[in-house]
């Protein structure tokens, strides 16, 4: 994938997921394959940000503002998390 392409990509939740707060943790259920996920505070923040399409730089900017984290580390970790969420069918990519 070209770098310029990755800058125009936006990530958004798929519609096949139900989420709820359980004892302070975010719990998700993928309704197509019935996989269950439990997100920690940072993952839950990313999920909440994905209520509308957002680019990776926009996500990183919001996370760096919310959490005490190095921007480069946040970029790497967020990209890896998004890739995993795509593989699990929780998130999809749209071109912005």
Protein backbone atom coordinates (compact mmCIF):
# COMPACT_ATOMS: atom_id res chain seq x y z
CA UNK A 1 0.00 0.00 0.00
CA UNK A 2 1.38 3.37 -0.98
CA UNK A 3 1.94 6.00 1.69
CA UNK A 4 -0.24 8.55 -0.11
CA UNK A 5 -3.05 6.00 -0.25
CA UNK A 6 -2.82 5.37 3.49
CA UNK A 7 -3.21 9.09 4.18
CA UNK A 8 -6.55 9.23 2.35
CA UNK A 9 -7.91 6.08 3.97
CA UNK A 10 -10.46 6.44 6.68
CA UNK A 11 -11.54 3.83 9.16
CA UNK A 12 -15.08 3.26 10.37
CA UNK A 13 -16.99 0.67 12.39
CA UNK A 14 -18.85 -2.03 10.51
CA UNK A 15 -22.58 -2.22 11.07
CA UNK A 16 -22.38 -5.87 12.18
CA UNK A 17 -21.27 -5.07 15.73
CA UNK A 18 -23.21 -4.48 18.93
CA UNK A 19 -21.34 -2.78 21.76
CA UNK A 20 -22.14 -2.05 25.39
CA UNK A 21 -20.42 -0.99 28.60
CA UNK A 22 -20.04 -3.78 31.15
CA UNK A 23 -18.52 -2.83 34.50
CA UNK A 24 -16.48 -0.06 32.90
CA UNK A 25 -15.19 -2.15 29.98
CA UNK A 26 -16.46 -1.97 26.42
CA UNK A 27 -17.78 -5.30 25.19
CA UNK A 28 -18.50 -5.98 21.50
CA UNK A 29 -20.34 -8.79 19.76
CA UNK A 30 -19.89 -9.34 16.03
CA UNK A 31 -23.36 -10.42 14.92
CA UNK A 32 -22.20 -12.25 11.78
CA UNK A 33 -19.68 -14.62 13.34
CA UNK A 34 -20.69 -14.28 17.03
CA UNK A 35 -17.19 -13.39 18.14
CA UNK A 36 -16.99 -11.52 21.43
CA UNK A 37 -14.43 -8.80 22.22
CA UNK A 38 -13.57 -6.88 25.37
CA UNK A 39 -11.76 -3.55 24.96
CA UNK A 40 -9.62 -1.73 27.48
CA UNK A 41 -9.82 2.04 27.93
CA UNK A 42 -7.62 2.92 24.95
CA UNK A 43 -9.26 0.44 22.59
CA UNK A 44 -12.66 1.72 23.73
CA UNK A 45 -11.57 5.29 22.92
CA UNK A 46 -10.58 4.23 19.42
CA UNK A 47 -13.92 2.43 18.98
CA UNK A 48 -15.83 5.53 20.09
CA UNK A 49 -13.82 7.70 17.68
CA UNK A 50 -14.79 5.37 14.83
CA UNK A 51 -18.47 6.32 15.08
CA UNK A 52 -17.70 8.31 11.93
CA UNK A 53 -14.97 7.74 9.33
CA UNK A 54 -11.58 8.97 10.57
CA UNK A 55 -8.09 8.89 9.15
CA UNK A 56 -5.17 7.35 11.02
CA UNK A 57 -3.60 10.80 11.63
CA UNK A 58 -6.91 12.08 13.06
CA UNK A 59 -7.16 9.08 15.38
CA UNK A 60 -3.57 9.51 16.56
CA UNK A 61 -4.11 13.22 17.17
CA UNK A 62 -7.16 12.51 19.33
CA UNK A 63 -5.42 9.72 21.26
CA UNK A 64 -2.28 11.76 21.94
CA UNK A 65 -4.51 14.54 23.29
CA UNK A 66 -6.40 12.10 25.55
CA UNK A 67 -3.59 9.84 26.76
CA UNK A 68 0.02 10.41 27.79
CA UNK A 69 1.69 8.64 24.86
CA UNK A 70 4.47 9.32 22.37
CA UNK A 71 3.03 10.16 18.94
CA UNK A 72 5.26 7.68 17.06
CA UNK A 73 4.36 4.86 19.47
CA UNK A 74 0.69 5.80 19.24
CA UNK A 75 0.82 5.76 15.44
CA UNK A 76 2.42 2.32 15.33
CA UNK A 77 0.15 0.80 17.98
CA UNK A 78 -3.01 2.33 16.53
CA UNK A 79 -2.21 1.10 13.03
CA UNK A 80 -1.58 -2.43 14.35
CA UNK A 81 -4.84 -2.31 16.33
CA UNK A 82 -6.80 -1.10 13.29
CA UNK A 83 -5.29 -3.85 11.13
CA UNK A 84 -6.41 -6.41 13.72
CA UNK A 85 -9.89 -4.89 13.91
CA UNK A 86 -10.16 -5.08 10.12
CA UNK A 87 -9.08 -8.73 10.18
CA UNK A 88 -11.77 -9.42 12.83
CA UNK A 89 -14.45 -7.69 10.74
CA UNK A 90 -15.06 -4.89 13.24
CA UNK A 91 -13.74 -2.02 11.11
CA UNK A 92 -13.62 -1.28 7.42
CA UNK A 93 -11.62 1.15 5.30
CA UNK A 94 -13.19 3.83 3.15
CA UNK A 95 -11.35 6.25 0.89
CA UNK A 96 -11.58 9.84 2.09
